[in-house]
Protein backbone atom coordinates (compact mmCIF):
# COMPACT_ATOMS: atom_id res chain seq x y z
CA MET A 1 19.82 15.10 -2.02
CA GLY A 2 20.45 11.45 -1.36
CA LEU A 3 19.78 8.49 -3.57
CA LEU A 4 16.51 7.76 -1.74
CA THR A 5 15.23 11.22 -2.63
CA TYR A 6 16.04 10.77 -6.32
CA VAL A 7 14.36 7.37 -6.37
CA ALA A 8 11.28 8.71 -4.57
CA VAL A 9 10.98 11.68 -6.96
CA ALA A 10 11.29 9.42 -10.02
CA ALA A 11 8.84 6.89 -8.61
CA GLY A 12 6.36 9.61 -7.74
CA ALA A 13 6.55 11.17 -11.20
CA GLY A 14 6.32 7.87 -13.04
CA GLY A 15 3.66 6.45 -10.77
CA ALA A 16 1.45 9.51 -11.11
CA VAL A 17 1.63 9.49 -14.92
CA VAL A 18 0.93 5.75 -15.14
CA SER A 19 -1.87 5.76 -12.58
CA ALA A 20 -3.73 8.87 -13.81
CA PRO A 21 -5.63 7.11 -16.63
CA VAL A 22 -6.44 4.18 -14.34
CA VAL A 23 -7.79 6.48 -11.63
CA LEU A 24 -9.83 8.49 -14.15
CA GLY A 25 -11.41 5.31 -15.46
CA ALA A 26 -12.07 4.01 -11.96
CA ILE A 27 -14.05 7.09 -10.98
CA GLY A 28 -16.05 7.03 -14.23
CA PHE A 29 -14.22 9.20 -16.77
CA THR A 30 -13.90 6.58 -19.53
CA SER A 31 -13.01 6.60 -23.22
CA ALA A 32 -16.70 5.95 -23.97
CA GLY A 33 -17.90 8.89 -21.87
CA ILE A 34 -18.98 9.31 -18.28
CA ALA A 35 -20.09 6.01 -16.74
CA ALA A 36 -23.64 5.95 -15.41
CA GLY A 37 -23.90 5.86 -11.62
CA SER A 38 -20.23 6.71 -11.11
CA TYR A 39 -18.55 9.43 -9.10
CA ALA A 40 -17.93 11.22 -12.41
CA ALA A 41 -21.68 11.13 -13.15
CA SER A 42 -22.35 12.72 -9.78
CA MET A 43 -19.77 15.43 -10.50
CA MET A 44 -21.32 16.06 -13.91
CA SER A 45 -24.81 16.32 -12.44
CA THR A 46 -23.66 18.79 -9.79
CA ALA A 47 -21.81 20.89 -12.38
CA ALA A 48 -24.80 20.90 -14.73
CA ILE A 49 -27.20 21.98 -11.97
CA ALA A 50 -24.81 24.75 -10.90
CA ASN A 51 -24.52 25.99 -14.50
CA GLY A 52 -28.17 25.96 -15.42
CA GLY A 53 -28.25 22.61 -17.23
CA GLY A 54 -24.88 22.29 -18.94
CA VAL A 55 -21.29 21.58 -18.06
CA ALA A 56 -19.13 24.63 -18.68
CA ALA A 57 -16.24 24.26 -21.13
CA GLY A 58 -12.95 24.28 -19.25
CA SER A 59 -14.53 23.21 -15.97
CA VAL A 60 -12.98 20.46 -13.87
CA VAL A 61 -15.56 17.96 -15.13
CA ALA A 62 -14.93 18.92 -18.76
CA VAL A 63 -11.15 18.68 -18.40
CA LEU A 64 -11.30 15.33 -16.61
CA GLN A 65 -13.71 13.94 -19.20
CA SER A 66 -11.41 15.08 -21.98
CA ALA A 67 -8.48 13.37 -20.28
CA GLY A 68 -10.56 10.24 -19.75
CA MET A 69 -11.58 10.07 -23.40
CA ALA A 70 -8.39 11.14 -25.18
CA GLY A 71 -5.69 10.62 -22.57
CA LEU A 72 -3.49 13.25 -21.00
CA SER A 73 -2.03 15.98 -23.18
CA THR A 74 1.69 16.68 -23.06
CA ALA A 75 1.11 19.62 -20.72
CA ALA A 76 -1.18 17.58 -18.46
CA THR A 77 1.34 14.72 -18.39
CA GLY A 78 4.03 17.18 -17.32
CA ALA A 79 1.79 18.65 -14.62
CA VAL A 80 0.84 15.22 -13.27
CA ALA A 81 4.50 14.15 -13.29
CA GLY A 82 5.47 17.33 -11.46
CA VAL A 83 2.90 16.78 -8.74
CA GLY A 84 3.91 13.13 -8.39
CA ALA A 85 7.58 14.07 -8.18
CA THR A 86 6.83 16.69 -5.54
CA VAL A 87 4.87 14.20 -3.45
CA GLY A 88 7.66 11.64 -3.83
CA GLY A 89 10.24 14.19 -2.75
CA LEU A 90 8.19 15.26 0.25
CA LEU A 91 7.70 11.67 1.33
CA ALA A 92 11.44 11.03 1.03
CA ALA A 93 12.11 14.08 3.19
CA LEU A 94 9.85 12.67 5.90
CA ILE A 95 11.68 9.35 6.02
């Protein structure tokens, strides 16, 4: 691997970890709960209808809301960094 690949992998990992909370907040998963009228509110409504009125524990909506309120856990941070690093590496391979 060349220097560009290492830089792209590091940038992808770091960028993904830093941007995850920003993106969650932007789509409505905030520290105060799901923002009214947001994309997150639409997701929550759809999940609640599909589950007979409630959002299932462990569902995508529940996990994203947890991350939006409390931040990413160590495991989630590692997963996000891994995905970002993979995307960075793939982009470097295309250049």
